[in-house]
Amino acid sequence: MLRRAVAFVDGHASLPITVTDIARAAGVGPRALQLAFARHLGLSPTAYLRRVRLECAHRELQAADPTTGDTVAAIARRWGFARPDRFTVAYRATYGVLPSHTLRT
């Protein structure tokens, strides 16, 4: 069940998915999903989704070329972060640098 949930998140991270969507894909209810994530990953399903999205955005920022018009806001939006300021806070807390620094280097 947890493998199905993780695979669903990994395969759909750029889409606007919810805990209910993840639970449905795993064949369980939202509460059972939350308990399984907490027990085995030490995270909530939402926190896991955020982590996956941050990792994907991080890889995209590393590969992006700011001279061709790639922006932090556009990359953040592609990975489900509607507010660039919240993305920046989460990114810096995770990677220790601003996303704009990663984009430039």
N, C-alpha and C. Protein backbone atom coordinates (compact mmCIF):
# COMPACT_ATOMS: atom_id res chain seq x y z
N MET A 1 0.82 -1.18 0.00
CA MET A 1 0.00 0.00 0.00
C MET A 1 0.87 1.26 0.00
N LEU A 2 1.88 1.29 0.86
CA LEU A 2 2.75 2.45 0.92
C LEU A 2 3.53 2.61 -0.38
N ARG A 3 3.97 1.50 -0.96
CA ARG A 3 4.68 1.58 -2.24
C ARG A 3 3.79 2.19 -3.32
N ARG A 4 2.53 1.80 -3.35
CA ARG A 4 1.60 2.37 -4.35
C ARG A 4 1.43 3.87 -4.12
N ALA A 5 1.32 4.26 -2.87
CA ALA A 5 1.15 5.68 -2.55
C ALA A 5 2.38 6.48 -2.95
N VAL A 6 3.55 5.98 -2.61
CA VAL A 6 4.80 6.67 -2.96
C VAL A 6 4.96 6.74 -4.47
N ALA A 7 4.66 5.66 -5.16
CA ALA A 7 4.76 5.65 -6.63
C ALA A 7 3.79 6.65 -7.24
N PHE A 8 2.60 6.75 -6.67
CA PHE A 8 1.62 7.71 -7.18
C PHE A 8 2.13 9.14 -7.00
N VAL A 9 2.64 9.45 -5.82
CA VAL A 9 3.17 10.79 -5.57
C VAL A 9 4.34 11.06 -6.51
N ASP A 10 5.26 10.13 -6.60
CA ASP A 10 6.43 10.32 -7.46
C ASP A 10 6.04 10.54 -8.91
N GLY A 11 5.01 9.88 -9.37
CA GLY A 11 4.58 9.99 -10.76
C GLY A 11 3.65 11.14 -11.06
N HIS A 12 3.10 11.75 -10.02
CA HIS A 12 2.10 12.81 -10.23
C HIS A 12 2.43 14.09 -9.45
N ALA A 13 3.66 14.26 -9.03
CA ALA A 13 4.03 15.39 -8.17
C ALA A 13 3.78 16.75 -8.80
N SER A 14 3.80 16.83 -10.11
CA SER A 14 3.59 18.14 -10.75
C SER A 14 2.10 18.48 -10.88
N LEU A 15 1.24 17.54 -10.53
CA LEU A 15 -0.21 17.75 -10.64
C LEU A 15 -0.79 18.18 -9.30
N PRO A 16 -1.96 18.82 -9.32
CA PRO A 16 -2.59 19.24 -8.06
C PRO A 16 -3.29 18.07 -7.37
N ILE A 17 -2.51 17.21 -6.72
CA ILE A 17 -3.07 16.04 -6.05
C ILE A 17 -3.28 16.31 -4.56
N THR A 18 -4.20 15.56 -3.98
CA THR A 18 -4.54 15.71 -2.57
C THR A 18 -4.26 14.40 -1.84
N VAL A 19 -4.35 14.45 -0.53
CA VAL A 19 -4.20 13.24 0.28
C VAL A 19 -5.27 12.23 -0.11
N THR A 20 -6.47 12.69 -0.40
CA THR A 20 -7.54 11.78 -0.83
C THR A 20 -7.17 11.10 -2.14
N ASP A 21 -6.58 11.82 -3.07
CA ASP A 21 -6.13 11.22 -4.34
C ASP A 21 -5.08 10.14 -4.09
N ILE A 22 -4.14 10.44 -3.22
CA ILE A 22 -3.07 9.49 -2.91
C ILE A 22 -3.65 8.25 -2.25
N ALA A 23 -4.56 8.45 -1.29
CA ALA A 23 -5.19 7.33 -0.60
C ALA A 23 -5.96 6.46 -1.58
N ARG A 24 -6.70 7.08 -2.46
CA ARG A 24 -7.48 6.34 -3.46
C ARG A 24 -6.54 5.50 -4.34
N ALA A 25 -5.44 6.09 -4.77
CA ALA A 25 -4.48 5.36 -5.61
C ALA A 25 -3.87 4.18 -4.86
N ALA A 26 -3.73 4.32 -3.54
CA ALA A 26 -3.15 3.25 -2.73
C ALA A 26 -4.18 2.23 -2.27
N GLY A 27 -5.46 2.55 -2.47
CA GLY A 27 -6.52 1.62 -2.10
C GLY A 27 -6.85 1.62 -0.62
N VAL A 28 -6.63 2.75 0.05
CA VAL A 28 -6.95 2.86 1.47
C VAL A 28 -7.63 4.20 1.73
N GLY A 29 -8.08 4.40 2.95
CA GLY A 29 -8.65 5.68 3.34
C GLY A 29 -7.56 6.66 3.72
N PRO A 30 -7.89 7.95 3.77
CA PRO A 30 -6.90 8.97 4.12
C PRO A 30 -6.24 8.75 5.48
N ARG A 31 -7.01 8.30 6.47
CA ARG A 31 -6.43 8.10 7.81
C ARG A 31 -5.42 6.95 7.81
N ALA A 32 -5.76 5.85 7.15
CA ALA A 32 -4.82 4.73 7.06
C ALA A 32 -3.55 5.15 6.34
N LEU A 33 -3.70 5.97 5.31
CA LEU A 33 -2.54 6.48 4.58
C LEU A 33 -1.65 7.33 5.49
N GLN A 34 -2.28 8.23 6.24
CA GLN A 34 -1.52 9.09 7.15
C GLN A 34 -0.76 8.27 8.19
N LEU A 35 -1.41 7.25 8.73
CA LEU A 35 -0.76 6.40 9.72
C LEU A 35 0.42 5.64 9.12
N ALA A 36 0.24 5.11 7.92
CA ALA A 36 1.32 4.36 7.26
C ALA A 36 2.51 5.27 6.95
N PHE A 37 2.25 6.47 6.46
CA PHE A 37 3.34 7.40 6.18
C PHE A 37 4.08 7.76 7.46
N ALA A 38 3.33 8.05 8.52
CA ALA A 38 3.96 8.42 9.79
C ALA A 38 4.79 7.26 10.34
N ARG A 39 4.27 6.06 10.28
CA ARG A 39 4.95 4.90 10.84
C ARG A 39 6.21 4.54 10.06
N HIS A 40 6.13 4.57 8.73
CA HIS A 40 7.23 4.07 7.91
C HIS A 40 8.17 5.14 7.36
N LEU A 41 7.67 6.35 7.18
CA LEU A 41 8.51 7.41 6.62
C LEU A 41 8.77 8.56 7.59
N GLY A 42 7.99 8.60 8.67
CA GLY A 42 8.14 9.69 9.62
C GLY A 42 7.65 11.02 9.10
N LEU A 43 6.80 10.97 8.08
CA LEU A 43 6.26 12.17 7.44
C LEU A 43 4.77 11.99 7.21
N SER A 44 4.08 13.10 7.05
CA SER A 44 2.69 13.02 6.58
C SER A 44 2.73 12.88 5.06
N PRO A 45 1.64 12.42 4.46
CA PRO A 45 1.61 12.36 2.99
C PRO A 45 1.85 13.73 2.35
N THR A 46 1.31 14.77 2.97
CA THR A 46 1.50 16.12 2.44
C THR A 46 2.96 16.54 2.53
N ALA A 47 3.62 16.22 3.63
CA ALA A 47 5.04 16.56 3.76
C ALA A 47 5.88 15.78 2.75
N TYR A 48 5.52 14.53 2.51
CA TYR A 48 6.25 13.74 1.52
C TYR A 48 6.06 14.35 0.13
N LEU A 49 4.84 14.73 -0.21
CA LEU A 49 4.56 15.37 -1.50
C LEU A 49 5.37 16.65 -1.64
N ARG A 50 5.41 17.46 -0.59
CA ARG A 50 6.19 18.71 -0.63
C ARG A 50 7.67 18.41 -0.84
N ARG A 51 8.18 17.38 -0.16
CA ARG A 51 9.59 17.01 -0.32
C ARG A 51 9.90 16.58 -1.75
N VAL A 52 9.03 15.76 -2.32
CA VAL A 52 9.22 15.32 -3.71
C VAL A 52 9.19 16.51 -4.65
N ARG A 53 8.24 17.40 -4.45
CA ARG A 53 8.14 18.59 -5.31
C ARG A 53 9.38 19.47 -5.17
N LEU A 54 9.86 19.64 -3.96
CA LEU A 54 11.08 20.43 -3.77
C LEU A 54 12.27 19.79 -4.47
N GLU A 55 12.40 18.47 -4.36
CA GLU A 55 13.50 17.78 -5.03
C GLU A 55 13.42 17.95 -6.55
N CYS A 56 12.22 17.85 -7.09
CA CYS A 56 12.04 18.01 -8.54
C CYS A 56 12.36 19.44 -8.97
N ALA A 57 11.87 20.41 -8.20
CA ALA A 57 12.16 21.81 -8.51
C ALA A 57 13.66 22.08 -8.39
N HIS A 58 14.30 21.50 -7.40
CA HIS A 58 15.74 21.67 -7.21
C HIS A 58 16.50 21.15 -8.43
N ARG A 59 16.16 19.96 -8.89
CA ARG A 59 16.83 19.41 -10.08
C ARG A 59 16.58 20.28 -11.30
N GLU A 60 15.36 20.78 -11.43
CA GLU A 60 15.06 21.64 -12.58
C GLU A 60 15.82 22.95 -12.49
N LEU A 61 15.93 23.52 -11.30
CA LEU A 61 16.70 24.76 -11.13
C LEU A 61 18.17 24.54 -11.47
N GLN A 62 18.72 23.40 -11.09
CA GLN A 62 20.12 23.10 -11.40
C GLN A 62 20.34 22.99 -12.90
N ALA A 63 19.36 22.48 -13.62
CA ALA A 63 19.50 22.26 -15.06
C ALA A 63 19.04 23.46 -15.89
N ALA A 64 18.36 24.40 -15.27
CA ALA A 64 17.77 25.53 -16.00
C ALA A 64 18.83 26.53 -16.45
N ASP A 65 18.45 27.29 -17.46
CA ASP A 65 19.33 28.33 -18.00
C ASP A 65 18.60 29.67 -17.88
N PRO A 66 19.01 30.52 -16.93
CA PRO A 66 18.31 31.79 -16.75
C PRO A 66 18.40 32.71 -17.97
N THR A 67 19.38 32.49 -18.84
CA THR A 67 19.50 33.34 -20.02
C THR A 67 18.44 33.03 -21.07
N THR A 68 17.75 31.89 -20.92
CA THR A 68 16.69 31.55 -21.87
C THR A 68 15.31 31.85 -21.31
N GLY A 69 15.26 32.53 -20.17
CA GLY A 69 13.98 32.93 -19.61
C GLY A 69 13.46 32.06 -18.49
N ASP A 70 14.21 31.03 -18.09
CA ASP A 70 13.79 30.22 -16.95
C ASP A 70 13.79 31.10 -15.70
N THR A 71 12.73 31.02 -14.91
CA THR A 71 12.63 31.79 -13.68
C THR A 71 12.30 30.88 -12.51
N VAL A 72 12.64 31.34 -11.33
CA VAL A 72 12.31 30.60 -10.12
C VAL A 72 10.80 30.47 -10.00
N ALA A 73 10.08 31.55 -10.23
CA ALA A 73 8.62 31.52 -10.09
C ALA A 73 7.98 30.51 -11.04
N ALA A 74 8.44 30.46 -12.28
CA ALA A 74 7.87 29.53 -13.26
C ALA A 74 8.15 28.09 -12.87
N ILE A 75 9.36 27.82 -12.42
CA ILE A 75 9.72 26.46 -12.01
C ILE A 75 8.94 26.07 -10.76
N ALA A 76 8.83 26.97 -9.81
CA ALA A 76 8.06 26.70 -8.60
C ALA A 76 6.60 26.39 -8.95
N ARG A 77 6.04 27.18 -9.83
CA ARG A 77 4.64 26.97 -10.25
C ARG A 77 4.46 25.61 -10.90
N ARG A 78 5.41 25.21 -11.75
CA ARG A 78 5.32 23.90 -12.41
C ARG A 78 5.27 22.76 -11.42
N TRP A 79 5.86 22.96 -10.26
CA TRP A 79 5.91 21.90 -9.25
C TRP A 79 4.92 22.12 -8.11
N GLY A 80 3.89 22.90 -8.38
CA GLY A 80 2.77 23.00 -7.44
C GLY A 80 2.90 24.05 -6.36
N PHE A 81 3.87 24.93 -6.47
CA PHE A 81 4.02 26.00 -5.48
C PHE A 81 3.41 27.27 -6.06
N ALA A 82 2.21 27.59 -5.63
CA ALA A 82 1.49 28.75 -6.16
C ALA A 82 2.10 30.07 -5.69
N ARG A 83 2.72 30.05 -4.51
CA ARG A 83 3.29 31.27 -3.95
C ARG A 83 4.81 31.18 -3.93
N PRO A 84 5.48 31.98 -4.77
CA PRO A 84 6.94 31.94 -4.82
C PRO A 84 7.61 32.22 -3.47
N ASP A 85 6.99 33.06 -2.64
CA ASP A 85 7.59 33.36 -1.34
C ASP A 85 7.62 32.12 -0.44
N ARG A 86 6.56 31.33 -0.46
CA ARG A 86 6.55 30.10 0.34
C ARG A 86 7.52 29.07 -0.23
N PHE A 87 7.62 29.03 -1.55
CA PHE A 87 8.59 28.13 -2.17
C PHE A 87 10.00 28.51 -1.74
N THR A 88 10.30 29.79 -1.76
CA THR A 88 11.63 30.27 -1.38
C THR A 88 11.97 29.90 0.06
N VAL A 89 11.02 30.06 0.96
CA VAL A 89 11.24 29.71 2.37
C VAL A 89 11.51 28.21 2.51
N ALA A 90 10.69 27.39 1.88
CA ALA A 90 10.86 25.93 1.96
C ALA A 90 12.16 25.50 1.30
N TYR A 91 12.49 26.10 0.17
CA TYR A 91 13.71 25.75 -0.55
C TYR A 91 14.95 26.08 0.28
N ARG A 92 14.96 27.28 0.84
CA ARG A 92 16.12 27.69 1.65
C ARG A 92 16.26 26.82 2.90
N ALA A 93 15.14 26.47 3.51
CA ALA A 93 15.19 25.60 4.70
C ALA A 93 15.74 24.22 4.35
N THR A 94 15.47 23.76 3.15
CA THR A 94 15.92 22.43 2.72
C THR A 94 17.34 22.44 2.20
N TYR A 95 17.68 23.41 1.36
CA TYR A 95 18.97 23.39 0.65
C TYR A 95 19.99 24.41 1.15
N GLY A 96 19.56 25.32 2.04
CA GLY A 96 20.50 26.26 2.63
C GLY A 96 20.87 27.44 1.76
N VAL A 97 20.28 27.54 0.58
CA VAL A 97 20.52 28.68 -0.32
C VAL A 97 19.19 29.09 -0.93
N LEU A 98 19.17 30.28 -1.47
CA LEU A 98 17.97 30.74 -2.17
C LEU A 98 17.86 30.02 -3.52
N PRO A 99 16.65 29.78 -3.99
CA PRO A 99 16.50 29.14 -5.30
C PRO A 99 17.12 29.96 -6.42
N SER A 100 17.12 31.27 -6.29
CA SER A 100 17.73 32.12 -7.32
C SER A 100 19.24 31.86 -7.41
N HIS A 101 19.86 31.52 -6.31
CA HIS A 101 21.30 31.20 -6.32
C HIS A 101 21.53 29.90 -7.10
N THR A 102 20.69 28.91 -6.87
CA THR A 102 20.82 27.64 -7.60
C THR A 102 20.60 27.86 -9.09
N LEU A 103 19.66 28.71 -9.44
CA LEU A 103 19.37 28.98 -10.85
C LEU A 103 20.56 29.65 -11.54
N ARG A 104 21.27 30.51 -10.83
CA ARG A 104 22.40 31.24 -11.42
C ARG A 104 23.66 30.41 -11.54
N THR A 105 23.81 29.38 -10.71
CA THR A 105 25.08 28.65 -10.69
C THR A 105 25.05 27.39 -11.52
